[in-house]
Amino acid sequence: MLHFVENVDQIIENIRTIEEYLNSDNIEDKEFARDLVKKGRAMLIYRVNGQNHFAPGRFLGFKKNSRHAHLENENRESRDTQPALQSIMGKPFTHAAIEKEFLDYADTFKGATLKSKRKYWRVRNDENKYFELNTTVPETQEVIAG
């Protein structure tokens, strides 16, 4: 049984997990994360290397979430996490420019994006600045000719 997050650090731990999945070589992890993003209704916004990324509250709202735990907990809905997220993050907002940015982000993944109104929370760090996950790019990358 998954428990709701109680603080921003637990949300950030889940952001790291979802980003790991999005960048994984494991196709199941990658497709799982992309599908969650495309079907999200309550989204948390964070930055990765200066760009806004989005992740669904229904994943980020449970402590130490993982693909396996989330799939075992499928009967829970996103609205189940919203009171916990709101108690930590405050009231969610809607904004046309953020919605467009989300749709552009989601369009980089295969599949249809849920046609629904979304609400957003912006993740902030301990200094009340937008949380940014910095990833490093290896100095040398192997290029495989196709």
N, C-alpha and C. Protein backbone atom coordinates (compact mmCIF):
# COMPACT_ATOMS: atom_id res chain seq x y z
N MET A 1 0.84 -1.18 0.00
CA MET A 1 0.00 0.00 0.00
C MET A 1 0.89 1.25 0.00
N LEU A 2 0.63 2.13 -0.91
CA LEU A 2 1.37 3.37 -0.99
C LEU A 2 0.76 4.41 -0.05
N HIS A 3 1.63 5.25 0.50
CA HIS A 3 1.20 6.34 1.38
C HIS A 3 1.45 7.66 0.68
N PHE A 4 0.66 8.66 1.01
CA PHE A 4 0.79 9.97 0.38
C PHE A 4 2.07 10.67 0.83
N VAL A 5 2.61 11.49 -0.07
CA VAL A 5 3.78 12.29 0.28
C VAL A 5 3.41 13.28 1.38
N GLU A 6 4.43 13.66 2.15
CA GLU A 6 4.22 14.58 3.26
C GLU A 6 5.06 15.84 3.14
N ASN A 7 5.98 15.88 2.18
CA ASN A 7 6.83 17.06 2.04
C ASN A 7 7.40 17.14 0.62
N VAL A 8 8.02 18.26 0.31
CA VAL A 8 8.56 18.50 -1.03
C VAL A 8 9.70 17.54 -1.35
N ASP A 9 10.50 17.18 -0.34
CA ASP A 9 11.62 16.26 -0.60
C ASP A 9 11.12 14.92 -1.15
N GLN A 10 9.98 14.44 -0.65
CA GLN A 10 9.42 13.18 -1.15
C GLN A 10 8.92 13.34 -2.58
N ILE A 11 8.39 14.52 -2.90
CA ILE A 11 7.96 14.80 -4.28
C ILE A 11 9.18 14.82 -5.19
N ILE A 12 10.25 15.48 -4.75
CA ILE A 12 11.47 15.57 -5.55
C ILE A 12 12.08 14.19 -5.78
N GLU A 13 12.01 13.33 -4.78
CA GLU A 13 12.50 11.95 -4.95
C GLU A 13 11.74 11.27 -6.10
N ASN A 14 10.43 11.49 -6.16
CA ASN A 14 9.63 10.90 -7.24
C ASN A 14 9.91 11.56 -8.59
N ILE A 15 10.23 12.86 -8.58
CA ILE A 15 10.62 13.54 -9.82
C ILE A 15 11.87 12.89 -10.38
N ARG A 16 12.83 12.61 -9.50
CA ARG A 16 14.06 11.95 -9.95
C ARG A 16 13.74 10.57 -10.56
N THR A 17 12.80 9.87 -9.96
CA THR A 17 12.40 8.55 -10.48
C THR A 17 11.77 8.69 -11.85
N ILE A 18 10.83 9.61 -12.01
CA ILE A 18 10.14 9.76 -13.30
C ILE A 18 11.12 10.20 -14.38
N GLU A 19 12.06 11.08 -14.04
CA GLU A 19 13.07 11.50 -15.01
C GLU A 19 14.00 10.34 -15.38
N GLU A 20 14.31 9.51 -14.41
CA GLU A 20 15.12 8.32 -14.69
C GLU A 20 14.39 7.42 -15.68
N TYR A 21 13.09 7.25 -15.49
CA TYR A 21 12.30 6.43 -16.41
C TYR A 21 12.24 7.07 -17.80
N LEU A 22 12.03 8.38 -17.86
CA LEU A 22 11.92 9.06 -19.15
C LEU A 22 13.22 8.95 -19.96
N ASN A 23 14.34 8.83 -19.27
CA ASN A 23 15.64 8.76 -19.93
C ASN A 23 16.23 7.36 -19.93
N SER A 24 15.43 6.38 -19.58
CA SER A 24 15.90 5.01 -19.45
C SER A 24 16.07 4.31 -20.80
N ASP A 25 16.96 3.36 -20.82
CA ASP A 25 17.09 2.46 -21.97
C ASP A 25 16.05 1.34 -21.89
N ASN A 26 15.42 1.20 -20.71
CA ASN A 26 14.39 0.20 -20.51
C ASN A 26 13.09 0.73 -21.12
N ILE A 27 12.64 0.11 -22.20
CA ILE A 27 11.48 0.61 -22.95
C ILE A 27 10.21 0.62 -22.11
N GLU A 28 10.05 -0.37 -21.20
CA GLU A 28 8.85 -0.41 -20.35
C GLU A 28 8.82 0.80 -19.41
N ASP A 29 9.97 1.12 -18.80
CA ASP A 29 10.04 2.28 -17.91
C ASP A 29 9.74 3.56 -18.69
N LYS A 30 10.37 3.69 -19.85
CA LYS A 30 10.22 4.91 -20.65
C LYS A 30 8.76 5.09 -21.10
N GLU A 31 8.15 4.04 -21.61
CA GLU A 31 6.76 4.13 -22.08
C GLU A 31 5.80 4.37 -20.92
N PHE A 32 6.07 3.75 -19.79
CA PHE A 32 5.25 3.96 -18.59
C PHE A 32 5.25 5.44 -18.22
N ALA A 33 6.43 6.05 -18.14
CA ALA A 33 6.54 7.45 -17.74
C ALA A 33 5.90 8.37 -18.78
N ARG A 34 6.15 8.11 -20.05
CA ARG A 34 5.56 8.95 -21.10
C ARG A 34 4.05 8.87 -21.07
N ASP A 35 3.51 7.67 -20.87
CA ASP A 35 2.06 7.49 -20.82
C ASP A 35 1.46 8.24 -19.63
N LEU A 36 2.13 8.19 -18.49
CA LEU A 36 1.64 8.92 -17.31
C LEU A 36 1.56 10.42 -17.60
N VAL A 37 2.60 10.95 -18.23
CA VAL A 37 2.63 12.38 -18.54
C VAL A 37 1.49 12.73 -19.48
N LYS A 38 1.32 11.97 -20.53
CA LYS A 38 0.31 12.28 -21.54
C LYS A 38 -1.12 12.19 -21.00
N LYS A 39 -1.32 11.38 -19.97
CA LYS A 39 -2.67 11.18 -19.42
C LYS A 39 -2.91 11.97 -18.13
N GLY A 40 -1.94 12.78 -17.72
CA GLY A 40 -2.06 13.50 -16.46
C GLY A 40 -3.08 14.63 -16.50
N ARG A 41 -3.74 14.84 -15.38
CA ARG A 41 -4.69 15.94 -15.23
C ARG A 41 -4.22 16.95 -14.19
N ALA A 42 -3.52 16.48 -13.21
CA ALA A 42 -2.96 17.34 -12.16
C ALA A 42 -1.44 17.20 -12.28
N MET A 43 -0.81 18.25 -12.79
CA MET A 43 0.61 18.16 -13.16
C MET A 43 1.48 19.04 -12.27
N LEU A 44 2.66 18.54 -11.96
CA LEU A 44 3.65 19.33 -11.25
C LEU A 44 4.72 19.75 -12.25
N ILE A 45 5.13 20.99 -12.15
CA ILE A 45 6.11 21.57 -13.07
C ILE A 45 7.44 21.70 -12.34
N TYR A 46 8.50 21.27 -13.00
CA TYR A 46 9.85 21.43 -12.49
C TYR A 46 10.75 21.68 -13.69
N ARG A 47 11.97 22.06 -13.46
CA ARG A 47 12.87 22.38 -14.57
C ARG A 47 13.98 21.33 -14.63
N VAL A 48 14.37 21.03 -15.86
CA VAL A 48 15.52 20.17 -16.11
C VAL A 48 16.40 20.91 -17.10
N ASN A 49 17.60 21.24 -16.66
CA ASN A 49 18.54 21.97 -17.51
C ASN A 49 17.90 23.19 -18.17
N GLY A 50 17.13 23.95 -17.38
CA GLY A 50 16.54 25.19 -17.86
C GLY A 50 15.22 25.07 -18.58
N GLN A 51 14.72 23.86 -18.78
CA GLN A 51 13.46 23.65 -19.50
C GLN A 51 12.39 23.10 -18.54
N ASN A 52 11.15 23.59 -18.70
CA ASN A 52 10.06 23.04 -17.90
C ASN A 52 9.76 21.60 -18.30
N HIS A 53 9.61 20.75 -17.30
CA HIS A 53 9.15 19.39 -17.48
C HIS A 53 7.91 19.23 -16.61
N PHE A 54 7.11 18.24 -16.92
CA PHE A 54 5.84 18.03 -16.24
C PHE A 54 5.72 16.57 -15.82
N ALA A 55 5.17 16.35 -14.63
CA ALA A 55 4.92 14.99 -14.16
C ALA A 55 3.59 14.98 -13.42
N PRO A 56 2.89 13.86 -13.52
CA PRO A 56 1.54 13.79 -12.94
C PRO A 56 1.54 13.61 -11.43
N GLY A 57 0.61 14.31 -10.80
CA GLY A 57 0.43 14.19 -9.37
C GLY A 57 0.07 12.78 -8.93
N ARG A 58 -0.60 12.04 -9.80
CA ARG A 58 -1.00 10.69 -9.39
C ARG A 58 0.20 9.77 -9.23
N PHE A 59 1.35 10.15 -9.78
CA PHE A 59 2.58 9.40 -9.52
C PHE A 59 3.39 10.08 -8.42
N LEU A 60 3.55 11.39 -8.52
CA LEU A 60 4.40 12.12 -7.57
C LEU A 60 3.79 12.19 -6.18
N GLY A 61 2.49 11.97 -6.06
CA GLY A 61 1.79 12.14 -4.78
C GLY A 61 1.90 10.99 -3.81
N PHE A 62 2.59 9.93 -4.18
CA PHE A 62 2.77 8.78 -3.28
C PHE A 62 4.24 8.62 -2.92
N LYS A 63 4.52 8.36 -1.65
CA LYS A 63 5.90 8.21 -1.17
C LYS A 63 6.62 7.10 -1.91
N LYS A 64 7.89 7.38 -2.27
CA LYS A 64 8.79 6.39 -2.85
C LYS A 64 8.12 5.58 -3.96
N ASN A 65 7.45 6.28 -4.86
CA ASN A 65 6.71 5.60 -5.92
C ASN A 65 7.67 5.02 -6.95
N SER A 66 7.20 4.00 -7.62
CA SER A 66 7.95 3.33 -8.68
C SER A 66 6.94 2.80 -9.69
N ARG A 67 7.43 2.37 -10.83
CA ARG A 67 6.52 1.81 -11.84
C ARG A 67 5.78 0.61 -11.26
N HIS A 68 6.52 -0.27 -10.62
CA HIS A 68 5.92 -1.48 -10.07
C HIS A 68 4.85 -1.14 -9.01
N ALA A 69 5.20 -0.25 -8.08
CA ALA A 69 4.25 0.12 -7.02
C ALA A 69 3.04 0.82 -7.60
N HIS A 70 3.27 1.68 -8.59
CA HIS A 70 2.15 2.41 -9.20
C HIS A 70 1.19 1.47 -9.90
N LEU A 71 1.73 0.50 -10.63
CA LEU A 71 0.87 -0.44 -11.34
C LEU A 71 0.08 -1.32 -10.38
N GLU A 72 0.66 -1.63 -9.23
CA GLU A 72 -0.08 -2.41 -8.22
C GLU A 72 -1.15 -1.57 -7.55
N ASN A 73 -1.05 -0.26 -7.66
CA ASN A 73 -1.94 0.68 -6.98
C ASN A 73 -2.87 1.37 -7.98
N GLU A 74 -3.13 0.74 -9.12
CA GLU A 74 -3.88 1.38 -10.20
C GLU A 74 -5.28 1.82 -9.84
N ASN A 75 -5.87 1.21 -8.82
CA ASN A 75 -7.24 1.59 -8.47
C ASN A 75 -7.32 2.98 -7.85
N ARG A 76 -6.18 3.57 -7.45
CA ARG A 76 -6.17 4.92 -6.93
C ARG A 76 -6.24 5.89 -8.10
N GLU A 77 -6.91 6.98 -7.91
CA GLU A 77 -7.03 7.99 -8.97
C GLU A 77 -6.24 9.23 -8.60
N SER A 78 -6.05 10.08 -9.59
CA SER A 78 -5.26 11.28 -9.35
C SER A 78 -5.90 12.15 -8.28
N ARG A 79 -7.22 12.15 -8.22
CA ARG A 79 -7.86 13.00 -7.21
C ARG A 79 -7.54 12.52 -5.79
N ASP A 80 -7.11 11.26 -5.64
CA ASP A 80 -6.73 10.77 -4.33
C ASP A 80 -5.50 11.50 -3.79
N THR A 81 -4.58 11.89 -4.69
CA THR A 81 -3.34 12.55 -4.26
C THR A 81 -3.51 14.06 -4.11
N GLN A 82 -4.53 14.62 -4.69
CA GLN A 82 -4.65 16.08 -4.73
C GLN A 82 -4.71 16.74 -3.35
N PRO A 83 -5.43 16.20 -2.35
CA PRO A 83 -5.39 16.86 -1.03
C PRO A 83 -3.98 16.86 -0.43
N ALA A 84 -3.24 15.77 -0.60
CA ALA A 84 -1.87 15.72 -0.07
C ALA A 84 -0.99 16.72 -0.79
N LEU A 85 -1.09 16.77 -2.11
CA LEU A 85 -0.29 17.71 -2.88
C LEU A 85 -0.65 19.15 -2.54
N GLN A 86 -1.93 19.43 -2.41
CA GLN A 86 -2.37 20.79 -2.11
C GLN A 86 -1.90 21.23 -0.72
N SER A 87 -1.86 20.30 0.23
CA SER A 87 -1.40 20.67 1.57
C SER A 87 0.09 21.03 1.57
N ILE A 88 0.85 20.49 0.63
CA ILE A 88 2.28 20.77 0.52
C ILE A 88 2.54 21.94 -0.42
N MET A 89 1.86 21.94 -1.57
CA MET A 89 2.18 22.86 -2.65
C MET A 89 1.28 24.10 -2.71
N GLY A 90 0.18 24.07 -1.99
CA GLY A 90 -0.77 25.19 -2.07
C GLY A 90 -1.79 24.91 -3.16
N LYS A 91 -2.56 25.92 -3.46
CA LYS A 91 -3.64 25.78 -4.43
C LYS A 91 -3.06 25.65 -5.85
N PRO A 92 -3.57 24.71 -6.66
CA PRO A 92 -3.10 24.60 -8.04
C PRO A 92 -3.62 25.76 -8.88
N PHE A 93 -3.00 25.93 -10.05
CA PHE A 93 -3.41 27.02 -10.93
C PHE A 93 -3.60 26.49 -12.34
N THR A 94 -4.26 27.27 -13.16
CA THR A 94 -4.36 27.01 -14.59
C THR A 94 -3.84 28.24 -15.30
N HIS A 95 -3.26 28.04 -16.47
CA HIS A 95 -2.71 29.17 -17.22
C HIS A 95 -2.54 28.73 -18.67
N ALA A 96 -3.05 29.51 -19.59
CA ALA A 96 -3.04 29.14 -21.01
C ALA A 96 -1.62 28.92 -21.53
N ALA A 97 -0.67 29.75 -21.13
CA ALA A 97 0.70 29.60 -21.63
C ALA A 97 1.34 28.31 -21.09
N ILE A 98 1.07 27.99 -19.83
CA ILE A 98 1.60 26.75 -19.25
C ILE A 98 0.94 25.54 -19.92
N GLU A 99 -0.36 25.63 -20.18
CA GLU A 99 -1.06 24.53 -20.86
C GLU A 99 -0.44 24.28 -22.23
N LYS A 100 -0.16 25.35 -22.97
CA LYS A 100 0.46 25.19 -24.29
C LYS A 100 1.85 24.57 -24.14
N GLU A 101 2.60 25.03 -23.16
CA GLU A 101 3.94 24.47 -22.94
C GLU A 101 3.85 22.98 -22.58
N PHE A 102 2.85 22.62 -21.75
CA PHE A 102 2.65 21.21 -21.43
C PHE A 102 2.35 20.41 -22.70
N LEU A 103 1.42 20.91 -23.52
CA LEU A 103 1.05 20.18 -24.74
C LEU A 103 2.24 20.02 -25.68
N ASP A 104 3.07 21.04 -25.79
CA ASP A 104 4.28 20.94 -26.60
C ASP A 104 5.22 19.88 -26.04
N TYR A 105 5.37 19.87 -24.72
CA TYR A 105 6.22 18.87 -24.05
C TYR A 105 5.66 17.46 -24.28
N ALA A 106 4.36 17.28 -24.05
CA ALA A 106 3.73 15.96 -24.20
C ALA A 106 3.78 15.49 -25.65
N ASP A 107 3.73 16.42 -26.61
CA ASP A 107 3.78 16.04 -28.02
C ASP A 107 5.12 15.45 -28.43
N THR A 108 6.15 15.61 -27.59
CA THR A 108 7.44 14.99 -27.91
C THR A 108 7.42 13.49 -27.65
N PHE A 109 6.35 13.01 -27.01
CA PHE A 109 6.18 11.58 -26.73
C PHE A 109 5.15 11.00 -27.69
N LYS A 110 5.28 9.71 -27.99
CA LYS A 110 4.30 9.04 -28.85
C LYS A 110 2.95 8.93 -28.13
N GLY A 111 1.89 8.87 -28.91
CA GLY A 111 0.57 8.64 -28.36
C GLY A 111 -0.23 9.91 -28.18
N ALA A 112 -1.49 9.73 -27.90
CA ALA A 112 -2.42 10.85 -27.75
C ALA A 112 -2.34 11.42 -26.34
N THR A 113 -2.46 12.72 -26.25
CA THR A 113 -2.51 13.41 -24.96
C THR A 113 -3.96 13.55 -24.55
N LEU A 114 -4.21 13.31 -23.27
CA LEU A 114 -5.56 13.41 -22.73
C LEU A 114 -6.13 14.80 -23.01
N LYS A 115 -7.33 14.82 -23.56
CA LYS A 115 -8.00 16.08 -23.84
C LYS A 115 -8.86 16.42 -22.62
N SER A 116 -8.26 17.14 -21.72
CA SER A 116 -8.92 17.48 -20.47
C SER A 116 -8.29 18.75 -19.93
N LYS A 117 -9.03 19.46 -19.11
CA LYS A 117 -8.43 20.61 -18.45
C LYS A 117 -7.48 20.09 -17.38
N ARG A 118 -6.33 20.70 -17.31
CA ARG A 118 -5.33 20.32 -16.33
C ARG A 118 -5.13 21.44 -15.33
N LYS A 119 -4.66 21.07 -14.16
CA LYS A 119 -4.23 22.06 -13.18
C LYS A 119 -2.78 21.77 -12.86
N TYR A 120 -2.09 22.81 -12.39
CA TYR A 120 -0.65 22.74 -12.22
C TYR A 120 -0.21 23.24 -10.86
N TRP A 121 0.89 22.67 -10.41
CA TRP A 121 1.63 23.18 -9.27
C TRP A 121 3.08 23.34 -9.73
N ARG A 122 3.72 24.39 -9.31
CA ARG A 122 5.14 24.59 -9.60
C ARG A 122 5.93 24.13 -8.38
N VAL A 123 6.85 23.17 -8.59
CA VAL A 123 7.67 22.64 -7.49
C VAL A 123 8.76 23.67 -7.16
N ARG A 124 8.88 23.98 -5.89
CA ARG A 124 9.89 24.93 -5.42
C ARG A 124 10.82 24.23 -4.42
N ASN A 125 12.05 24.69 -4.38
CA ASN A 125 13.02 24.11 -3.45
C ASN A 125 12.92 24.81 -2.09
N ASP A 126 13.86 24.48 -1.19
CA ASP A 126 13.85 25.05 0.17
C ASP A 126 14.01 26.56 0.17
N GLU A 127 14.60 27.11 -0.88
CA GLU A 127 14.81 28.56 -0.96
C GLU A 127 13.65 29.25 -1.69
N ASN A 128 12.56 28.52 -1.93
CA ASN A 128 11.36 28.99 -2.61
C ASN A 128 11.64 29.39 -4.06
N LYS A 129 12.67 28.76 -4.65
CA LYS A 129 12.96 28.96 -6.07
C LYS A 129 12.45 27.73 -6.81
N TYR A 130 12.19 27.89 -8.10
CA TYR A 130 11.72 26.76 -8.89
C TYR A 130 12.73 25.63 -8.81
N PHE A 131 12.24 24.43 -8.52
CA PHE A 131 13.14 23.28 -8.42
C PHE A 131 13.68 22.95 -9.80
N GLU A 132 15.00 22.81 -9.86
CA GLU A 132 15.65 22.46 -11.12
C GLU A 132 16.52 21.24 -10.90
N LEU A 133 16.29 20.24 -11.73
CA LEU A 133 17.08 19.03 -11.73
C LEU A 133 18.14 19.21 -12.81
N ASN A 134 19.39 19.26 -12.41
CA ASN A 134 20.47 19.41 -13.38
C ASN A 134 21.02 18.04 -13.72
N THR A 135 21.07 17.76 -14.99
CA THR A 135 21.65 16.50 -15.44
C THR A 135 22.92 16.83 -16.18
N THR A 136 23.86 15.94 -16.09
CA THR A 136 25.12 16.16 -16.80
C THR A 136 25.13 15.31 -18.05
N VAL A 137 25.70 15.85 -19.09
CA VAL A 137 25.83 15.14 -20.35
C VAL A 137 27.25 14.63 -20.43
N PRO A 138 27.45 13.35 -20.71
CA PRO A 138 28.81 12.83 -20.81
C PRO A 138 29.60 13.60 -21.87
N GLU A 139 30.89 13.79 -21.60
CA GLU A 139 31.74 14.53 -22.52
C GLU A 139 31.83 13.84 -23.88
N THR A 140 31.85 12.54 -23.87
CA THR A 140 31.90 11.82 -25.14
C THR A 140 30.72 10.88 -25.21
N GLN A 141 30.06 10.90 -26.34
CA GLN A 141 28.94 10.00 -26.55
C GLN A 141 29.22 9.17 -27.79
N GLU A 142 28.93 7.91 -27.68
CA GLU A 142 29.12 7.04 -28.83
C GLU A 142 27.98 7.29 -29.81
N VAL A 143 28.33 7.50 -31.05
CA VAL A 143 27.32 7.70 -32.10
C VAL A 143 27.29 6.47 -32.97
N ILE A 144 26.13 5.90 -33.12
CA ILE A 144 25.97 4.70 -33.96
C ILE A 144 25.33 5.13 -35.26
N ALA A 145 26.01 4.89 -36.33
CA ALA A 145 25.48 5.26 -37.65
C ALA A 145 24.31 4.34 -37.98
N GLY A 146 23.27 4.94 -38.55
CA GLY A 146 22.08 4.14 -38.83
C GLY A 146 21.81 3.96 -40.27
